[in-house]
Amino acid sequence: MLISVQERDFDVEALGRALIGPRKDIGAVVSFTGRVRDRSEAQNLLALELEHYPAMTEKALQEIAGQARQRWDIDDLAIVHRVGRLAVGEAIVAVVVISAHRRDAFEACEFLMDYLKTRAPFWKKEITTDGEAWVEARHSDDEAAARWEE
């Protein structure tokens, strides 16, 4: 399992290769990459500033990853989340899940992203030509995460 909170960019293909290594029993590699988009509630978005508390964040990501491993038959996973100032178009987050079968990998990847959006302690500030503002949690993200509740 690879979990990283970092300022530098990442290579999602390299993450998948690192998880698989020499294994021949992996039938599915599912990945998601989230990017800074210019379509937000803010006008004239220039960048996002992501902040976190390191020890708290790593612990939360480990717990979220552990839940995915308990719920689905997956072989391994990677979560990479960037912090710092990110310009429009830059990658923010990557989730990669490997498994023998696609259904488990797809569902685990979707679960991980839903929980990262709602349960990981990251704070986002939008930087626009008109100033800066903290991003509020979205009700739609909470609804997406709620479907995984048992």
N, C-alpha and C. Protein backbone atom coordinates (compact mmCIF):
# COMPACT_ATOMS: atom_id res chain seq x y z
N MET A 1 0.86 -1.17 0.00
CA MET A 1 0.00 0.00 0.00
C MET A 1 0.90 1.23 0.00
N LEU A 2 0.57 2.17 -0.85
CA LEU A 2 1.33 3.40 -0.94
C LEU A 2 0.40 4.56 -0.64
N ILE A 3 0.74 5.35 0.37
CA ILE A 3 -0.04 6.54 0.70
C ILE A 3 0.95 7.68 0.84
N SER A 4 0.68 8.77 0.12
CA SER A 4 1.60 9.90 0.13
C SER A 4 0.82 11.21 0.06
N VAL A 5 1.22 12.15 0.90
CA VAL A 5 0.76 13.54 0.82
C VAL A 5 1.99 14.34 0.48
N GLN A 6 1.94 15.04 -0.64
CA GLN A 6 3.16 15.65 -1.17
C GLN A 6 2.85 16.89 -1.98
N GLU A 7 3.87 17.73 -2.16
CA GLU A 7 3.72 18.91 -3.01
C GLU A 7 4.01 18.59 -4.48
N ARG A 8 4.91 17.65 -4.73
CA ARG A 8 5.33 17.37 -6.11
C ARG A 8 4.24 16.61 -6.88
N ASP A 9 4.31 16.72 -8.19
CA ASP A 9 3.39 16.02 -9.08
C ASP A 9 3.67 14.53 -9.03
N PHE A 10 2.80 13.74 -9.63
CA PHE A 10 2.94 12.29 -9.63
C PHE A 10 2.66 11.75 -11.02
N ASP A 11 3.04 10.50 -11.22
CA ASP A 11 2.81 9.79 -12.48
C ASP A 11 1.90 8.60 -12.16
N VAL A 12 0.65 8.70 -12.54
CA VAL A 12 -0.32 7.66 -12.18
C VAL A 12 0.03 6.32 -12.82
N GLU A 13 0.59 6.31 -14.00
CA GLU A 13 1.01 5.06 -14.64
C GLU A 13 2.13 4.40 -13.84
N ALA A 14 3.05 5.20 -13.36
CA ALA A 14 4.15 4.65 -12.55
C ALA A 14 3.61 4.08 -11.23
N LEU A 15 2.60 4.72 -10.67
CA LEU A 15 1.99 4.18 -9.45
C LEU A 15 1.43 2.78 -9.70
N GLY A 16 0.70 2.62 -10.80
CA GLY A 16 0.14 1.31 -11.14
C GLY A 16 1.22 0.26 -11.34
N ARG A 17 2.28 0.63 -12.06
CA ARG A 17 3.38 -0.31 -12.28
C ARG A 17 4.05 -0.70 -10.97
N ALA A 18 4.21 0.26 -10.07
CA ALA A 18 4.84 -0.03 -8.78
C ALA A 18 3.99 -0.99 -7.95
N LEU A 19 2.68 -0.83 -8.01
CA LEU A 19 1.80 -1.73 -7.26
C LEU A 19 1.84 -3.15 -7.82
N ILE A 20 1.85 -3.27 -9.12
CA ILE A 20 1.81 -4.59 -9.77
C ILE A 20 3.14 -5.31 -9.65
N GLY A 21 4.24 -4.59 -9.89
CA GLY A 21 5.55 -5.22 -9.86
C GLY A 21 5.59 -6.41 -10.80
N PRO A 22 6.17 -7.55 -10.38
CA PRO A 22 6.29 -8.72 -11.25
C PRO A 22 5.05 -9.62 -11.23
N ARG A 23 4.02 -9.25 -10.52
CA ARG A 23 2.86 -10.13 -10.36
C ARG A 23 2.17 -10.40 -11.70
N LYS A 24 1.64 -11.60 -11.84
CA LYS A 24 0.92 -12.00 -13.05
C LYS A 24 -0.55 -12.31 -12.74
N ASP A 25 -0.96 -12.17 -11.49
CA ASP A 25 -2.33 -12.51 -11.09
C ASP A 25 -3.26 -11.31 -11.04
N ILE A 26 -2.79 -10.15 -11.47
CA ILE A 26 -3.61 -8.94 -11.42
C ILE A 26 -4.35 -8.79 -12.75
N GLY A 27 -5.67 -8.78 -12.67
CA GLY A 27 -6.48 -8.63 -13.88
C GLY A 27 -7.06 -7.25 -14.06
N ALA A 28 -7.00 -6.41 -13.00
CA ALA A 28 -7.60 -5.08 -13.09
C ALA A 28 -6.72 -4.05 -12.40
N VAL A 29 -6.52 -2.95 -13.10
CA VAL A 29 -5.89 -1.77 -12.54
C VAL A 29 -6.85 -0.62 -12.82
N VAL A 30 -7.42 -0.08 -11.75
CA VAL A 30 -8.37 1.02 -11.89
C VAL A 30 -7.77 2.25 -11.23
N SER A 31 -7.80 3.36 -11.94
CA SER A 31 -7.22 4.58 -11.38
C SER A 31 -8.15 5.76 -11.61
N PHE A 32 -8.00 6.74 -10.73
CA PHE A 32 -8.70 8.00 -10.87
C PHE A 32 -7.69 9.10 -10.58
N THR A 33 -7.71 10.13 -11.42
CA THR A 33 -6.88 11.30 -11.19
C THR A 33 -7.78 12.52 -11.15
N GLY A 34 -7.74 13.25 -10.05
CA GLY A 34 -8.50 14.49 -9.93
C GLY A 34 -7.61 15.66 -10.28
N ARG A 35 -8.18 16.63 -10.99
CA ARG A 35 -7.41 17.79 -11.46
C ARG A 35 -8.10 19.08 -11.05
N VAL A 36 -7.35 20.16 -10.97
CA VAL A 36 -7.91 21.48 -10.72
C VAL A 36 -8.60 21.93 -12.00
N ARG A 37 -9.88 22.19 -11.89
CA ARG A 37 -10.63 22.62 -13.08
C ARG A 37 -11.01 24.09 -12.95
N ASP A 38 -11.24 24.73 -14.07
CA ASP A 38 -11.60 26.14 -14.03
C ASP A 38 -13.11 26.35 -13.93
N ARG A 39 -13.83 25.26 -13.76
CA ARG A 39 -15.29 25.37 -13.62
C ARG A 39 -15.65 25.17 -12.16
N SER A 40 -15.66 26.22 -11.43
CA SER A 40 -16.04 26.17 -10.03
C SER A 40 -17.03 27.30 -9.80
N GLU A 41 -17.49 27.43 -8.58
CA GLU A 41 -18.38 28.52 -8.26
C GLU A 41 -17.66 29.85 -8.33
N ALA A 42 -16.36 29.82 -8.16
CA ALA A 42 -15.57 31.05 -8.25
C ALA A 42 -15.37 31.44 -9.71
N GLN A 43 -15.41 32.70 -9.96
CA GLN A 43 -15.12 33.20 -11.30
C GLN A 43 -13.62 33.46 -11.39
N ASN A 44 -13.06 33.26 -12.57
CA ASN A 44 -11.66 33.58 -12.81
C ASN A 44 -10.72 32.84 -11.86
N LEU A 45 -10.93 31.54 -11.73
CA LEU A 45 -10.08 30.73 -10.85
C LEU A 45 -8.66 30.66 -11.41
N LEU A 46 -7.70 30.96 -10.55
CA LEU A 46 -6.29 30.89 -10.94
C LEU A 46 -5.63 29.65 -10.37
N ALA A 47 -5.99 29.30 -9.13
CA ALA A 47 -5.32 28.18 -8.46
C ALA A 47 -6.13 27.76 -7.24
N LEU A 48 -5.77 26.59 -6.72
CA LEU A 48 -6.26 26.12 -5.42
C LEU A 48 -5.06 26.04 -4.49
N GLU A 49 -5.29 26.37 -3.24
CA GLU A 49 -4.28 26.20 -2.19
C GLU A 49 -4.82 25.13 -1.26
N LEU A 50 -4.11 24.01 -1.14
CA LEU A 50 -4.53 22.91 -0.27
C LEU A 50 -3.64 22.85 0.96
N GLU A 51 -4.29 22.80 2.12
CA GLU A 51 -3.57 22.71 3.39
C GLU A 51 -4.02 21.46 4.14
N HIS A 52 -3.18 21.04 5.11
CA HIS A 52 -3.52 19.86 5.92
C HIS A 52 -2.68 19.85 7.17
N TYR A 53 -3.06 19.00 8.13
CA TYR A 53 -2.24 18.73 9.30
C TYR A 53 -1.62 17.36 9.07
N PRO A 54 -0.30 17.29 8.86
CA PRO A 54 0.33 16.05 8.42
C PRO A 54 -0.04 14.79 9.20
N ALA A 55 0.15 14.74 10.49
CA ALA A 55 -0.11 13.50 11.23
C ALA A 55 -1.58 13.10 11.13
N MET A 56 -2.48 14.07 11.22
CA MET A 56 -3.91 13.80 11.14
C MET A 56 -4.29 13.29 9.74
N THR A 57 -3.72 13.89 8.73
CA THR A 57 -4.06 13.52 7.35
C THR A 57 -3.59 12.11 7.03
N GLU A 58 -2.34 11.79 7.35
CA GLU A 58 -1.84 10.45 7.05
C GLU A 58 -2.64 9.38 7.78
N LYS A 59 -3.00 9.65 9.02
CA LYS A 59 -3.80 8.69 9.78
C LYS A 59 -5.17 8.48 9.13
N ALA A 60 -5.80 9.56 8.72
CA ALA A 60 -7.12 9.46 8.06
C ALA A 60 -7.02 8.67 6.75
N LEU A 61 -5.98 8.92 5.97
CA LEU A 61 -5.82 8.21 4.70
C LEU A 61 -5.57 6.73 4.94
N GLN A 62 -4.79 6.40 5.95
CA GLN A 62 -4.56 4.99 6.30
C GLN A 62 -5.87 4.31 6.68
N GLU A 63 -6.70 4.99 7.46
CA GLU A 63 -7.99 4.42 7.88
C GLU A 63 -8.92 4.21 6.69
N ILE A 64 -8.98 5.18 5.80
CA ILE A 64 -9.83 5.07 4.61
C ILE A 64 -9.35 3.90 3.74
N ALA A 65 -8.04 3.80 3.54
CA ALA A 65 -7.47 2.69 2.75
C ALA A 65 -7.77 1.36 3.42
N GLY A 66 -7.66 1.29 4.73
CA GLY A 66 -7.96 0.05 5.46
C GLY A 66 -9.40 -0.38 5.29
N GLN A 67 -10.32 0.59 5.29
CA GLN A 67 -11.73 0.26 5.08
C GLN A 67 -11.95 -0.34 3.69
N ALA A 68 -11.29 0.22 2.69
CA ALA A 68 -11.43 -0.31 1.33
C ALA A 68 -10.89 -1.74 1.26
N ARG A 69 -9.78 -1.99 1.91
CA ARG A 69 -9.19 -3.34 1.88
C ARG A 69 -10.08 -4.35 2.60
N GLN A 70 -10.80 -3.93 3.61
CA GLN A 70 -11.71 -4.83 4.32
C GLN A 70 -12.97 -5.12 3.52
N ARG A 71 -13.43 -4.14 2.76
CA ARG A 71 -14.72 -4.27 2.06
C ARG A 71 -14.62 -5.01 0.73
N TRP A 72 -13.49 -4.87 0.04
CA TRP A 72 -13.37 -5.45 -1.30
C TRP A 72 -12.17 -6.36 -1.38
N ASP A 73 -12.24 -7.29 -2.30
CA ASP A 73 -11.15 -8.23 -2.54
C ASP A 73 -10.15 -7.56 -3.49
N ILE A 74 -9.33 -6.70 -2.92
CA ILE A 74 -8.32 -6.00 -3.71
C ILE A 74 -6.94 -6.42 -3.22
N ASP A 75 -5.98 -6.34 -4.13
CA ASP A 75 -4.63 -6.77 -3.79
C ASP A 75 -3.76 -5.64 -3.24
N ASP A 76 -3.97 -4.44 -3.73
CA ASP A 76 -3.18 -3.32 -3.24
C ASP A 76 -3.80 -2.02 -3.74
N LEU A 77 -3.30 -0.91 -3.17
CA LEU A 77 -3.83 0.40 -3.58
C LEU A 77 -2.79 1.48 -3.31
N ALA A 78 -2.99 2.59 -4.00
CA ALA A 78 -2.16 3.77 -3.79
C ALA A 78 -3.08 4.98 -3.70
N ILE A 79 -2.75 5.87 -2.78
CA ILE A 79 -3.41 7.17 -2.68
C ILE A 79 -2.30 8.22 -2.63
N VAL A 80 -2.34 9.14 -3.57
CA VAL A 80 -1.40 10.25 -3.57
C VAL A 80 -2.23 11.53 -3.62
N HIS A 81 -2.05 12.39 -2.63
CA HIS A 81 -2.80 13.66 -2.58
C HIS A 81 -1.79 14.79 -2.46
N ARG A 82 -1.95 15.77 -3.31
CA ARG A 82 -1.04 16.91 -3.30
C ARG A 82 -1.54 18.01 -2.38
N VAL A 83 -0.61 18.79 -1.88
CA VAL A 83 -0.90 19.96 -1.08
C VAL A 83 -0.07 21.13 -1.63
N GLY A 84 -0.39 22.32 -1.17
CA GLY A 84 0.29 23.50 -1.66
C GLY A 84 -0.55 24.19 -2.71
N ARG A 85 0.06 25.06 -3.44
CA ARG A 85 -0.64 25.83 -4.48
C ARG A 85 -0.61 25.06 -5.80
N LEU A 86 -1.78 24.82 -6.35
CA LEU A 86 -1.92 24.08 -7.61
C LEU A 86 -2.68 24.93 -8.63
N ALA A 87 -2.11 25.08 -9.80
CA ALA A 87 -2.72 25.87 -10.86
C ALA A 87 -3.82 25.07 -11.56
N VAL A 88 -4.68 25.77 -12.26
CA VAL A 88 -5.71 25.13 -13.06
C VAL A 88 -5.04 24.16 -14.03
N GLY A 89 -5.57 22.94 -14.08
CA GLY A 89 -5.04 21.91 -14.96
C GLY A 89 -4.09 20.93 -14.27
N GLU A 90 -3.58 21.31 -13.10
CA GLU A 90 -2.67 20.41 -12.39
C GLU A 90 -3.43 19.30 -11.68
N ALA A 91 -2.75 18.17 -11.50
CA ALA A 91 -3.33 17.03 -10.79
C ALA A 91 -3.31 17.30 -9.29
N ILE A 92 -4.42 16.91 -8.61
CA ILE A 92 -4.54 17.05 -7.17
C ILE A 92 -4.38 15.71 -6.48
N VAL A 93 -5.07 14.69 -6.99
CA VAL A 93 -5.15 13.41 -6.29
C VAL A 93 -5.13 12.26 -7.28
N ALA A 94 -4.53 11.16 -6.85
CA ALA A 94 -4.58 9.91 -7.62
C ALA A 94 -4.93 8.78 -6.68
N VAL A 95 -5.82 7.92 -7.16
CA VAL A 95 -6.14 6.67 -6.47
C VAL A 95 -5.94 5.56 -7.50
N VAL A 96 -5.18 4.54 -7.11
CA VAL A 96 -4.97 3.39 -7.98
C VAL A 96 -5.27 2.14 -7.16
N VAL A 97 -6.08 1.25 -7.74
CA VAL A 97 -6.45 0.00 -7.06
C VAL A 97 -6.15 -1.15 -8.01
N ILE A 98 -5.50 -2.19 -7.48
CA ILE A 98 -5.27 -3.39 -8.29
C ILE A 98 -5.98 -4.57 -7.64
N SER A 99 -6.47 -5.45 -8.51
CA SER A 99 -7.23 -6.61 -8.05
C SER A 99 -7.24 -7.67 -9.15
N ALA A 100 -7.64 -8.87 -8.77
CA ALA A 100 -7.79 -9.92 -9.78
C ALA A 100 -8.96 -9.61 -10.70
N HIS A 101 -9.99 -8.94 -10.17
CA HIS A 101 -11.23 -8.70 -10.93
C HIS A 101 -11.61 -7.23 -10.92
N ARG A 102 -12.23 -6.78 -12.00
CA ARG A 102 -12.50 -5.36 -12.19
C ARG A 102 -13.54 -4.80 -11.23
N ARG A 103 -14.60 -5.54 -10.91
CA ARG A 103 -15.67 -4.99 -10.09
C ARG A 103 -15.15 -4.51 -8.74
N ASP A 104 -14.35 -5.34 -8.06
CA ASP A 104 -13.79 -4.95 -6.78
C ASP A 104 -12.91 -3.71 -6.93
N ALA A 105 -12.11 -3.67 -7.97
CA ALA A 105 -11.21 -2.53 -8.18
C ALA A 105 -12.00 -1.25 -8.46
N PHE A 106 -13.02 -1.33 -9.31
CA PHE A 106 -13.84 -0.14 -9.60
C PHE A 106 -14.54 0.36 -8.34
N GLU A 107 -15.18 -0.54 -7.61
CA GLU A 107 -15.94 -0.12 -6.43
C GLU A 107 -15.01 0.44 -5.35
N ALA A 108 -13.89 -0.19 -5.13
CA ALA A 108 -12.94 0.31 -4.13
C ALA A 108 -12.41 1.69 -4.51
N CYS A 109 -12.11 1.89 -5.78
CA CYS A 109 -11.60 3.18 -6.24
C CYS A 109 -12.65 4.27 -6.04
N GLU A 110 -13.89 3.97 -6.38
CA GLU A 110 -14.97 4.95 -6.21
C GLU A 110 -15.19 5.26 -4.73
N PHE A 111 -15.20 4.25 -3.90
CA PHE A 111 -15.33 4.43 -2.45
C PHE A 111 -14.21 5.32 -1.92
N LEU A 112 -12.98 5.01 -2.32
CA LEU A 112 -11.84 5.79 -1.84
C LEU A 112 -11.98 7.27 -2.20
N MET A 113 -12.39 7.56 -3.42
CA MET A 113 -12.54 8.96 -3.81
C MET A 113 -13.69 9.63 -3.04
N ASP A 114 -14.81 8.93 -2.88
CA ASP A 114 -15.92 9.51 -2.13
C ASP A 114 -15.51 9.83 -0.70
N TYR A 115 -14.77 8.93 -0.09
CA TYR A 115 -14.33 9.15 1.30
C TYR A 115 -13.21 10.19 1.38
N LEU A 116 -12.34 10.24 0.40
CA LEU A 116 -11.31 11.28 0.40
C LEU A 116 -11.94 12.67 0.33
N LYS A 117 -12.99 12.80 -0.47
CA LYS A 117 -13.66 14.09 -0.60
C LYS A 117 -14.35 14.53 0.68
N THR A 118 -14.79 13.59 1.50
CA THR A 118 -15.61 13.96 2.66
C THR A 118 -14.95 13.70 4.02
N ARG A 119 -13.98 12.81 4.08
CA ARG A 119 -13.44 12.42 5.38
C ARG A 119 -11.95 12.70 5.57
N ALA A 120 -11.27 13.05 4.51
CA ALA A 120 -9.84 13.36 4.63
C ALA A 120 -9.69 14.84 5.00
N PRO A 121 -8.86 15.13 5.99
CA PRO A 121 -8.73 16.51 6.47
C PRO A 121 -7.82 17.37 5.60
N PHE A 122 -8.38 17.80 4.48
CA PHE A 122 -7.72 18.77 3.61
C PHE A 122 -8.61 20.01 3.55
N TRP A 123 -7.98 21.16 3.48
CA TRP A 123 -8.72 22.41 3.35
C TRP A 123 -8.28 23.07 2.07
N LYS A 124 -9.30 23.51 1.28
CA LYS A 124 -9.02 24.10 -0.03
C LYS A 124 -9.44 25.56 -0.04
N LYS A 125 -8.54 26.37 -0.59
CA LYS A 125 -8.83 27.78 -0.78
C LYS A 125 -8.75 28.08 -2.26
N GLU A 126 -9.78 28.71 -2.81
CA GLU A 126 -9.76 29.12 -4.21
C GLU A 126 -9.10 30.49 -4.31
N ILE A 127 -8.20 30.60 -5.27
CA ILE A 127 -7.52 31.86 -5.53
C ILE A 127 -7.99 32.34 -6.90
N THR A 128 -8.62 33.50 -6.89
CA THR A 128 -9.20 34.05 -8.12
C THR A 128 -8.62 35.44 -8.38
N THR A 129 -8.99 35.99 -9.51
CA THR A 129 -8.56 37.36 -9.81
C THR A 129 -9.23 38.35 -8.87
N ASP A 130 -10.30 37.94 -8.18
CA ASP A 130 -11.01 38.81 -7.25
C ASP A 130 -10.62 38.60 -5.80
N GLY A 131 -9.75 37.65 -5.50
CA GLY A 131 -9.34 37.41 -4.12
C GLY A 131 -9.29 35.92 -3.80
N GLU A 132 -9.39 35.61 -2.50
CA GLU A 132 -9.30 34.23 -2.03
C GLU A 132 -10.49 33.89 -1.16
N ALA A 133 -10.92 32.60 -1.21
CA ALA A 133 -12.03 32.15 -0.36
C ALA A 133 -11.88 30.66 -0.11
N TRP A 134 -12.16 30.24 1.13
CA TRP A 134 -12.14 28.82 1.47
C TRP A 134 -13.32 28.12 0.82
N VAL A 135 -13.11 26.90 0.36
CA VAL A 135 -14.15 26.11 -0.30
C VAL A 135 -14.96 25.38 0.77
N GLU A 136 -16.26 25.53 0.70
CA GLU A 136 -17.17 24.85 1.63
C GLU A 136 -17.41 23.42 1.14
N ALA A 137 -17.73 22.54 2.08
CA ALA A 137 -18.08 21.16 1.72
C ALA A 137 -19.35 21.18 0.88
N ARG A 138 -19.41 20.26 -0.06
CA ARG A 138 -20.58 20.18 -0.95
C ARG A 138 -21.52 19.08 -0.48
N HIS A 139 -22.80 19.38 -0.51
CA HIS A 139 -23.81 18.41 -0.12
C HIS A 139 -23.75 17.18 -1.02
N SER A 140 -23.48 17.37 -2.30
CA SER A 140 -23.42 16.25 -3.25
C SER A 140 -22.29 15.28 -2.90
N ASP A 141 -21.18 15.79 -2.36
CA ASP A 141 -20.09 14.91 -1.94
C ASP A 141 -20.51 14.07 -0.73
N ASP A 142 -21.22 14.70 0.22
CA ASP A 142 -21.72 13.97 1.39
C ASP A 142 -22.71 12.88 0.97
N GLU A 143 -23.57 13.17 0.00
CA GLU A 143 -24.53 12.19 -0.49
C GLU A 143 -23.82 11.01 -1.15
N ALA A 144 -22.78 11.30 -1.92
CA ALA A 144 -22.03 10.22 -2.58
C ALA A 144 -21.37 9.32 -1.55
N ALA A 145 -20.79 9.89 -0.50
CA ALA A 145 -20.15 9.08 0.54
C ALA A 145 -21.17 8.30 1.36
N ALA A 146 -22.35 8.87 1.56
CA ALA A 146 -23.38 8.22 2.40
C ALA A 146 -23.84 6.90 1.81
N ARG A 147 -23.75 6.72 0.52
CA ARG A 147 -24.22 5.46 -0.08
C ARG A 147 -23.37 4.27 0.32
N TRP A 148 -22.17 4.53 0.86
CA TRP A 148 -21.28 3.45 1.29
C TRP A 148 -21.49 3.06 2.73
N GLU A 149 -22.33 3.80 3.45
CA GLU A 149 -22.58 3.50 4.85
C GLU A 149 -23.35 2.20 4.96
N GLU A 150 -22.96 1.42 5.94
CA GLU A 150 -23.61 0.11 6.11
C GLU A 150 -24.77 0.22 7.09
